[in-house]
Amino acid sequence: VGVEGELGHVGSVNDDAMEEYTDPAEAADFVKRTGVCCLAVLIGNAHGHYKKTPKLDIDRVKAIREATGGLPLVLHGGSGIPDDQVKAAIKAGIRKMNIGTDVCCAFAEGTLETLNDPNRSLAIDLFMKKPIDTVKALALDKIRLVGADGKA
């Protein structure tokens, strides 16, 4: 069983989470003591809708990756991070990115579009088509962004 660790807490954009960063030495010690197979890091990221454009500390990603012996790193709060920063983070060692806020927003947008359609059907399979298609399109865009297309 794979276990993902999180050193500290990736908070929300509504608190001071974006002011906290993972220390590479603490990360190395945590990984050694716990044996986790991947580690969620704090590098300028937070959960939720960013109030301003986040700035990821890519050099910190590299330092944590090196300090933890190449352990796969995880980016919580990946929604709303500019594409160029996502690509740089992946190049530096991020191997998993969570985008829950983006998924929820895409689903909500698809649902609103369906609700606003005067010809909508309330049959659940028809009603859910647009929200599901909207989430699918988002997922495909993110898969392409991170270079994972064709690698299933």
N, C-alpha and C. Protein backbone atom coordinates (compact mmCIF):
# COMPACT_ATOMS: atom_id res chain seq x y z
N VAL A 1 0.85 -1.18 0.00
CA VAL A 1 0.00 0.00 0.00
C VAL A 1 0.89 1.23 0.00
N GLY A 2 0.65 2.11 -0.93
CA GLY A 2 1.39 3.37 -0.98
C GLY A 2 0.80 4.37 -0.01
N VAL A 3 1.65 5.09 0.68
CA VAL A 3 1.19 6.11 1.63
C VAL A 3 1.81 7.45 1.26
N GLU A 4 0.94 8.44 1.06
CA GLU A 4 1.37 9.81 0.80
C GLU A 4 1.45 10.56 2.12
N GLY A 5 2.58 11.19 2.35
CA GLY A 5 2.75 11.99 3.56
C GLY A 5 2.59 13.47 3.26
N GLU A 6 2.26 14.21 4.30
CA GLU A 6 2.19 15.67 4.19
C GLU A 6 2.86 16.25 5.42
N LEU A 7 3.96 16.91 5.22
CA LEU A 7 4.71 17.52 6.32
C LEU A 7 4.18 18.93 6.51
N GLY A 8 3.60 19.19 7.68
CA GLY A 8 2.91 20.46 7.88
C GLY A 8 1.49 20.31 7.37
N HIS A 9 0.91 21.39 6.91
CA HIS A 9 -0.48 21.35 6.44
C HIS A 9 -0.65 22.32 5.28
N VAL A 10 -1.12 21.80 4.16
CA VAL A 10 -1.44 22.66 3.03
C VAL A 10 -2.80 23.26 3.34
N GLY A 11 -2.80 24.50 3.77
CA GLY A 11 -4.03 25.16 4.18
C GLY A 11 -4.80 25.72 3.01
N SER A 12 -5.69 26.63 3.34
CA SER A 12 -6.53 27.25 2.33
C SER A 12 -6.02 28.64 2.01
N VAL A 13 -6.45 29.17 0.87
CA VAL A 13 -6.06 30.52 0.50
C VAL A 13 -6.63 31.54 1.47
N ASN A 14 -7.55 31.12 2.35
CA ASN A 14 -8.15 32.03 3.32
C ASN A 14 -7.34 32.15 4.60
N ASP A 15 -6.27 31.38 4.74
CA ASP A 15 -5.40 31.52 5.91
C ASP A 15 -4.00 31.89 5.42
N ASP A 16 -3.02 31.70 6.26
CA ASP A 16 -1.66 32.09 5.90
C ASP A 16 -0.87 30.94 5.26
N ALA A 17 -1.57 29.99 4.66
CA ALA A 17 -0.91 28.79 4.11
C ALA A 17 0.15 29.14 3.08
N MET A 18 -0.08 30.17 2.30
CA MET A 18 0.86 30.49 1.23
C MET A 18 2.14 31.12 1.77
N GLU A 19 2.18 31.38 3.08
CA GLU A 19 3.36 31.96 3.71
C GLU A 19 4.28 30.88 4.28
N GLU A 20 3.80 29.63 4.30
CA GLU A 20 4.56 28.53 4.88
C GLU A 20 5.20 27.71 3.76
N TYR A 21 6.40 27.21 4.04
CA TYR A 21 7.12 26.42 3.05
C TYR A 21 7.74 25.19 3.71
N THR A 22 7.82 24.10 2.97
CA THR A 22 8.46 22.89 3.46
C THR A 22 9.97 23.10 3.50
N ASP A 23 10.57 22.73 4.63
CA ASP A 23 12.02 22.80 4.79
C ASP A 23 12.62 21.50 4.26
N PRO A 24 13.58 21.56 3.35
CA PRO A 24 14.15 20.34 2.77
C PRO A 24 14.74 19.38 3.81
N ALA A 25 15.43 19.91 4.82
CA ALA A 25 16.02 19.04 5.85
C ALA A 25 14.93 18.35 6.67
N GLU A 26 13.88 19.08 7.03
CA GLU A 26 12.77 18.47 7.76
C GLU A 26 12.08 17.42 6.90
N ALA A 27 11.96 17.70 5.61
CA ALA A 27 11.34 16.73 4.70
C ALA A 27 12.15 15.44 4.65
N ALA A 28 13.47 15.57 4.56
CA ALA A 28 14.33 14.38 4.52
C ALA A 28 14.18 13.55 5.79
N ASP A 29 14.15 14.21 6.94
CA ASP A 29 13.98 13.51 8.22
C ASP A 29 12.61 12.83 8.29
N PHE A 30 11.57 13.53 7.88
CA PHE A 30 10.21 12.99 7.90
C PHE A 30 10.12 11.74 7.03
N VAL A 31 10.67 11.82 5.83
CA VAL A 31 10.63 10.68 4.90
C VAL A 31 11.40 9.49 5.48
N LYS A 32 12.54 9.76 6.07
CA LYS A 32 13.36 8.69 6.66
C LYS A 32 12.60 8.02 7.81
N ARG A 33 11.95 8.82 8.66
CA ARG A 33 11.25 8.27 9.83
C ARG A 33 9.95 7.56 9.48
N THR A 34 9.27 8.00 8.43
CA THR A 34 7.94 7.45 8.13
C THR A 34 7.92 6.43 7.00
N GLY A 35 8.86 6.52 6.07
CA GLY A 35 8.87 5.61 4.94
C GLY A 35 7.77 5.87 3.92
N VAL A 36 7.22 7.09 3.89
CA VAL A 36 6.18 7.40 2.91
C VAL A 36 6.72 7.23 1.49
N CYS A 37 5.82 6.95 0.57
CA CYS A 37 6.25 6.73 -0.82
C CYS A 37 6.19 8.00 -1.66
N CYS A 38 5.54 9.03 -1.15
CA CYS A 38 5.52 10.34 -1.81
C CYS A 38 5.18 11.39 -0.76
N LEU A 39 5.52 12.64 -1.04
CA LEU A 39 5.39 13.69 -0.04
C LEU A 39 4.75 14.94 -0.62
N ALA A 40 3.65 15.39 0.00
CA ALA A 40 3.02 16.65 -0.37
C ALA A 40 3.83 17.79 0.25
N VAL A 41 4.13 18.79 -0.57
CA VAL A 41 5.01 19.87 -0.13
C VAL A 41 4.31 21.22 -0.18
N LEU A 42 4.82 22.13 0.66
CA LEU A 42 4.35 23.52 0.69
C LEU A 42 5.40 24.36 -0.02
N ILE A 43 5.02 24.89 -1.18
CA ILE A 43 5.98 25.65 -1.99
C ILE A 43 5.35 26.93 -2.55
N GLY A 44 4.36 27.46 -1.81
CA GLY A 44 3.63 28.64 -2.27
C GLY A 44 2.24 28.27 -2.76
N ASN A 45 1.80 27.08 -2.45
CA ASN A 45 0.50 26.55 -2.87
C ASN A 45 -0.48 26.52 -1.71
N ALA A 46 -1.77 26.47 -2.03
CA ALA A 46 -2.83 26.38 -1.02
C ALA A 46 -4.07 25.81 -1.68
N HIS A 47 -5.00 25.32 -0.85
CA HIS A 47 -6.27 24.81 -1.38
C HIS A 47 -7.22 25.97 -1.65
N GLY A 48 -8.06 25.83 -2.66
CA GLY A 48 -9.11 26.82 -2.94
C GLY A 48 -8.77 27.75 -4.08
N HIS A 49 -9.55 28.82 -4.19
CA HIS A 49 -9.36 29.83 -5.25
C HIS A 49 -8.32 30.83 -4.79
N TYR A 50 -7.26 30.97 -5.55
CA TYR A 50 -6.21 31.93 -5.20
C TYR A 50 -6.73 33.35 -5.37
N LYS A 51 -6.43 34.21 -4.39
CA LYS A 51 -6.82 35.62 -4.46
C LYS A 51 -5.89 36.39 -5.39
N LYS A 52 -4.65 35.93 -5.48
CA LYS A 52 -3.69 36.49 -6.42
C LYS A 52 -2.93 35.33 -7.03
N THR A 53 -2.27 35.58 -8.13
CA THR A 53 -1.55 34.51 -8.82
C THR A 53 -0.46 33.95 -7.92
N PRO A 54 -0.49 32.64 -7.65
CA PRO A 54 0.54 32.05 -6.80
C PRO A 54 1.90 32.05 -7.50
N LYS A 55 2.94 32.04 -6.70
CA LYS A 55 4.31 31.95 -7.21
C LYS A 55 4.97 30.78 -6.51
N LEU A 56 5.10 29.67 -7.22
CA LEU A 56 5.71 28.48 -6.64
C LEU A 56 7.21 28.66 -6.52
N ASP A 57 7.77 28.13 -5.44
CA ASP A 57 9.21 28.17 -5.21
C ASP A 57 9.82 26.92 -5.84
N ILE A 58 10.15 27.02 -7.12
CA ILE A 58 10.66 25.88 -7.88
C ILE A 58 12.01 25.41 -7.35
N ASP A 59 12.86 26.34 -6.92
CA ASP A 59 14.15 25.94 -6.35
C ASP A 59 13.96 25.09 -5.10
N ARG A 60 12.92 25.38 -4.34
CA ARG A 60 12.62 24.59 -3.13
C ARG A 60 12.19 23.18 -3.53
N VAL A 61 11.43 23.05 -4.60
CA VAL A 61 11.04 21.71 -5.08
C VAL A 61 12.30 20.90 -5.37
N LYS A 62 13.23 21.50 -6.09
CA LYS A 62 14.48 20.81 -6.43
C LYS A 62 15.24 20.40 -5.17
N ALA A 63 15.31 21.31 -4.20
CA ALA A 63 16.05 21.03 -2.96
C ALA A 63 15.39 19.92 -2.16
N ILE A 64 14.06 19.92 -2.10
CA ILE A 64 13.34 18.87 -1.37
C ILE A 64 13.52 17.53 -2.08
N ARG A 65 13.42 17.55 -3.37
CA ARG A 65 13.58 16.31 -4.16
C ARG A 65 14.97 15.72 -3.92
N GLU A 66 15.99 16.57 -3.93
CA GLU A 66 17.35 16.11 -3.69
C GLU A 66 17.52 15.60 -2.25
N ALA A 67 16.99 16.35 -1.29
CA ALA A 67 17.13 15.98 0.12
C ALA A 67 16.42 14.68 0.46
N THR A 68 15.36 14.36 -0.29
CA THR A 68 14.59 13.15 -0.01
C THR A 68 14.98 11.99 -0.93
N GLY A 69 16.11 12.12 -1.60
CA GLY A 69 16.60 11.02 -2.43
C GLY A 69 15.78 10.76 -3.68
N GLY A 70 15.17 11.80 -4.22
CA GLY A 70 14.40 11.63 -5.45
C GLY A 70 12.98 11.16 -5.23
N LEU A 71 12.49 11.25 -3.99
CA LEU A 71 11.12 10.83 -3.68
C LEU A 71 10.13 11.62 -4.54
N PRO A 72 9.08 10.97 -5.06
CA PRO A 72 8.06 11.70 -5.80
C PRO A 72 7.38 12.73 -4.88
N LEU A 73 7.24 13.95 -5.38
CA LEU A 73 6.63 15.02 -4.60
C LEU A 73 5.24 15.33 -5.14
N VAL A 74 4.38 15.81 -4.24
CA VAL A 74 2.97 16.05 -4.55
C VAL A 74 2.65 17.52 -4.36
N LEU A 75 1.86 18.07 -5.28
CA LEU A 75 1.41 19.45 -5.20
C LEU A 75 -0.08 19.47 -4.90
N HIS A 76 -0.43 19.75 -3.63
CA HIS A 76 -1.83 19.98 -3.28
C HIS A 76 -2.14 21.42 -3.67
N GLY A 77 -3.40 21.72 -3.94
CA GLY A 77 -3.76 23.08 -4.31
C GLY A 77 -3.27 23.45 -5.70
N GLY A 78 -3.31 22.51 -6.62
CA GLY A 78 -2.82 22.75 -7.97
C GLY A 78 -3.78 23.54 -8.85
N SER A 79 -5.01 23.71 -8.40
CA SER A 79 -5.98 24.49 -9.18
C SER A 79 -5.56 25.95 -9.24
N GLY A 80 -5.63 26.52 -10.42
CA GLY A 80 -5.35 27.95 -10.55
C GLY A 80 -3.89 28.32 -10.67
N ILE A 81 -3.01 27.35 -10.64
CA ILE A 81 -1.58 27.64 -10.80
C ILE A 81 -1.30 27.77 -12.30
N PRO A 82 -0.63 28.85 -12.71
CA PRO A 82 -0.35 29.04 -14.14
C PRO A 82 0.40 27.86 -14.75
N ASP A 83 0.08 27.59 -16.01
CA ASP A 83 0.65 26.44 -16.71
C ASP A 83 2.17 26.41 -16.69
N ASP A 84 2.81 27.57 -16.86
CA ASP A 84 4.28 27.58 -16.90
C ASP A 84 4.87 27.15 -15.56
N GLN A 85 4.20 27.52 -14.46
CA GLN A 85 4.67 27.10 -13.14
C GLN A 85 4.43 25.61 -12.91
N VAL A 86 3.31 25.10 -13.40
CA VAL A 86 3.04 23.66 -13.29
C VAL A 86 4.12 22.87 -14.02
N LYS A 87 4.44 23.28 -15.23
CA LYS A 87 5.48 22.59 -16.01
C LYS A 87 6.83 22.65 -15.32
N ALA A 88 7.17 23.81 -14.76
CA ALA A 88 8.45 23.96 -14.06
C ALA A 88 8.48 23.08 -12.81
N ALA A 89 7.36 23.01 -12.09
CA ALA A 89 7.29 22.19 -10.88
C ALA A 89 7.46 20.72 -11.22
N ILE A 90 6.86 20.28 -12.31
CA ILE A 90 7.00 18.88 -12.73
C ILE A 90 8.45 18.60 -13.11
N LYS A 91 9.06 19.50 -13.83
CA LYS A 91 10.46 19.32 -14.21
C LYS A 91 11.36 19.24 -12.97
N ALA A 92 10.97 19.95 -11.91
CA ALA A 92 11.77 20.00 -10.68
C ALA A 92 11.52 18.81 -9.75
N GLY A 93 10.43 18.04 -9.95
CA GLY A 93 10.21 16.88 -9.10
C GLY A 93 8.79 16.60 -8.66
N ILE A 94 7.83 17.46 -8.99
CA ILE A 94 6.43 17.17 -8.66
C ILE A 94 5.97 16.02 -9.55
N ARG A 95 5.34 15.00 -8.93
CA ARG A 95 4.89 13.84 -9.68
C ARG A 95 3.39 13.60 -9.58
N LYS A 96 2.71 14.38 -8.74
CA LYS A 96 1.26 14.28 -8.60
C LYS A 96 0.75 15.67 -8.27
N MET A 97 -0.37 16.04 -8.89
CA MET A 97 -0.94 17.36 -8.63
C MET A 97 -2.43 17.21 -8.39
N ASN A 98 -2.92 17.76 -7.29
CA ASN A 98 -4.35 17.72 -6.98
C ASN A 98 -5.02 18.99 -7.51
N ILE A 99 -6.18 18.81 -8.16
CA ILE A 99 -6.89 19.94 -8.76
C ILE A 99 -8.38 19.90 -8.41
N GLY A 100 -8.69 19.60 -7.17
CA GLY A 100 -10.09 19.46 -6.75
C GLY A 100 -10.94 20.69 -6.99
N THR A 101 -10.39 21.87 -6.75
CA THR A 101 -11.17 23.09 -6.96
C THR A 101 -11.51 23.25 -8.43
N ASP A 102 -10.55 22.99 -9.32
CA ASP A 102 -10.82 23.08 -10.76
C ASP A 102 -11.92 22.10 -11.17
N VAL A 103 -11.87 20.89 -10.64
CA VAL A 103 -12.86 19.87 -10.98
C VAL A 103 -14.25 20.30 -10.51
N CYS A 104 -14.33 20.78 -9.27
CA CYS A 104 -15.63 21.23 -8.74
C CYS A 104 -16.19 22.39 -9.55
N CYS A 105 -15.34 23.33 -9.92
CA CYS A 105 -15.79 24.48 -10.71
C CYS A 105 -16.26 24.05 -12.10
N ALA A 106 -15.53 23.14 -12.72
CA ALA A 106 -15.93 22.65 -14.05
C ALA A 106 -17.28 21.95 -13.97
N PHE A 107 -17.47 21.14 -12.94
CA PHE A 107 -18.74 20.44 -12.76
C PHE A 107 -19.87 21.44 -12.55
N ALA A 108 -19.63 22.46 -11.72
CA ALA A 108 -20.64 23.48 -11.45
C ALA A 108 -20.98 24.25 -12.73
N GLU A 109 -19.97 24.60 -13.51
CA GLU A 109 -20.22 25.32 -14.77
C GLU A 109 -21.07 24.49 -15.72
N GLY A 110 -20.76 23.21 -15.84
CA GLY A 110 -21.55 22.34 -16.70
C GLY A 110 -22.97 22.19 -16.20
N THR A 111 -23.13 22.12 -14.89
CA THR A 111 -24.47 22.02 -14.30
C THR A 111 -25.27 23.29 -14.55
N LEU A 112 -24.65 24.45 -14.35
CA LEU A 112 -25.34 25.72 -14.60
C LEU A 112 -25.75 25.85 -16.06
N GLU A 113 -24.88 25.42 -16.96
CA GLU A 113 -25.22 25.47 -18.38
C GLU A 113 -26.44 24.60 -18.67
N THR A 114 -26.49 23.43 -18.05
CA THR A 114 -27.64 22.54 -18.22
C THR A 114 -28.89 23.17 -17.63
N LEU A 115 -28.78 23.73 -16.43
CA LEU A 115 -29.94 24.34 -15.77
C LEU A 115 -30.49 25.52 -16.56
N ASN A 116 -29.62 26.24 -17.24
CA ASN A 116 -30.05 27.41 -18.01
C ASN A 116 -30.57 27.06 -19.40
N ASP A 117 -30.49 25.80 -19.77
CA ASP A 117 -30.99 25.36 -21.08
C ASP A 117 -32.50 25.11 -20.96
N PRO A 118 -33.33 25.90 -21.65
CA PRO A 118 -34.78 25.70 -21.53
C PRO A 118 -35.25 24.35 -22.07
N ASN A 119 -34.44 23.70 -22.87
CA ASN A 119 -34.82 22.40 -23.43
C ASN A 119 -34.20 21.23 -22.67
N ARG A 120 -33.70 21.48 -21.48
CA ARG A 120 -33.01 20.43 -20.72
C ARG A 120 -33.97 19.29 -20.36
N SER A 121 -33.38 18.16 -20.17
CA SER A 121 -34.11 16.99 -19.72
C SER A 121 -33.76 16.74 -18.26
N LEU A 122 -34.71 16.28 -17.49
CA LEU A 122 -34.44 15.93 -16.10
C LEU A 122 -34.07 14.45 -15.94
N ALA A 123 -34.04 13.73 -17.05
CA ALA A 123 -33.55 12.35 -17.00
C ALA A 123 -32.07 12.42 -16.60
N ILE A 124 -31.71 11.73 -15.55
CA ILE A 124 -30.39 11.91 -14.94
C ILE A 124 -29.24 11.71 -15.92
N ASP A 125 -29.35 10.73 -16.81
CA ASP A 125 -28.25 10.50 -17.76
C ASP A 125 -28.10 11.68 -18.72
N LEU A 126 -29.18 12.31 -19.11
CA LEU A 126 -29.11 13.48 -19.99
C LEU A 126 -28.73 14.74 -19.22
N PHE A 127 -29.28 14.87 -18.02
CA PHE A 127 -28.99 16.04 -17.20
C PHE A 127 -27.50 16.12 -16.83
N MET A 128 -26.88 14.99 -16.58
CA MET A 128 -25.48 14.95 -16.14
C MET A 128 -24.48 14.99 -17.29
N LYS A 129 -24.94 14.91 -18.52
CA LYS A 129 -24.02 14.86 -19.66
C LYS A 129 -23.09 16.07 -19.72
N LYS A 130 -23.62 17.27 -19.65
CA LYS A 130 -22.78 18.47 -19.78
C LYS A 130 -21.80 18.60 -18.61
N PRO A 131 -22.24 18.43 -17.34
CA PRO A 131 -21.25 18.50 -16.25
C PRO A 131 -20.13 17.47 -16.41
N ILE A 132 -20.47 16.26 -16.79
CA ILE A 132 -19.46 15.22 -16.96
C ILE A 132 -18.53 15.56 -18.12
N ASP A 133 -19.09 16.03 -19.23
CA ASP A 133 -18.25 16.40 -20.38
C ASP A 133 -17.33 17.57 -20.04
N THR A 134 -17.80 18.50 -19.23
CA THR A 134 -16.98 19.65 -18.84
C THR A 134 -15.81 19.20 -17.97
N VAL A 135 -16.07 18.31 -17.03
CA VAL A 135 -14.99 17.78 -16.19
C VAL A 135 -14.02 16.95 -17.03
N LYS A 136 -14.55 16.16 -17.95
CA LYS A 136 -13.69 15.35 -18.83
C LYS A 136 -12.76 16.24 -19.65
N ALA A 137 -13.28 17.35 -20.19
CA ALA A 137 -12.45 18.27 -20.98
C ALA A 137 -11.34 18.88 -20.11
N LEU A 138 -11.68 19.25 -18.88
CA LEU A 138 -10.68 19.78 -17.95
C LEU A 138 -9.60 18.73 -17.69
N ALA A 139 -10.03 17.51 -17.40
CA ALA A 139 -9.08 16.43 -17.10
C ALA A 139 -8.14 16.20 -18.28
N LEU A 140 -8.67 16.18 -19.47
CA LEU A 140 -7.83 15.98 -20.66
C LEU A 140 -6.84 17.12 -20.84
N ASP A 141 -7.28 18.35 -20.59
CA ASP A 141 -6.36 19.50 -20.67
C ASP A 141 -5.23 19.36 -19.66
N LYS A 142 -5.55 18.97 -18.43
CA LYS A 142 -4.53 18.84 -17.38
C LYS A 142 -3.59 17.67 -17.68
N ILE A 143 -4.14 16.58 -18.21
CA ILE A 143 -3.30 15.44 -18.58
C ILE A 143 -2.29 15.85 -19.63
N ARG A 144 -2.74 16.62 -20.60
CA ARG A 144 -1.82 17.12 -21.64
C ARG A 144 -0.80 18.09 -21.04
N LEU A 145 -1.26 18.97 -20.17
CA LEU A 145 -0.38 19.96 -19.55
C LEU A 145 0.80 19.30 -18.84
N VAL A 146 0.52 18.24 -18.09
CA VAL A 146 1.58 17.60 -17.32
C VAL A 146 2.36 16.56 -18.12
N GLY A 147 2.01 16.39 -19.39
CA GLY A 147 2.75 15.47 -20.24
C GLY A 147 2.42 14.01 -20.01
N ALA A 148 1.22 13.73 -19.50
CA ALA A 148 0.85 12.35 -19.19
C ALA A 148 -0.04 11.72 -20.25
N ASP A 149 -0.35 12.45 -21.32
CA ASP A 149 -1.21 11.88 -22.35
C ASP A 149 -0.50 10.73 -23.05
N GLY A 150 -1.26 9.66 -23.27
CA GLY A 150 -0.70 8.48 -23.92
C GLY A 150 0.16 7.62 -23.02
N LYS A 151 0.13 7.86 -21.70
CA LYS A 151 1.00 7.10 -20.79
C LYS A 151 0.23 6.23 -19.82
N ALA A 152 -1.02 5.92 -20.14
CA ALA A 152 -1.83 5.09 -19.23
C ALA A 152 -1.35 3.66 -19.23
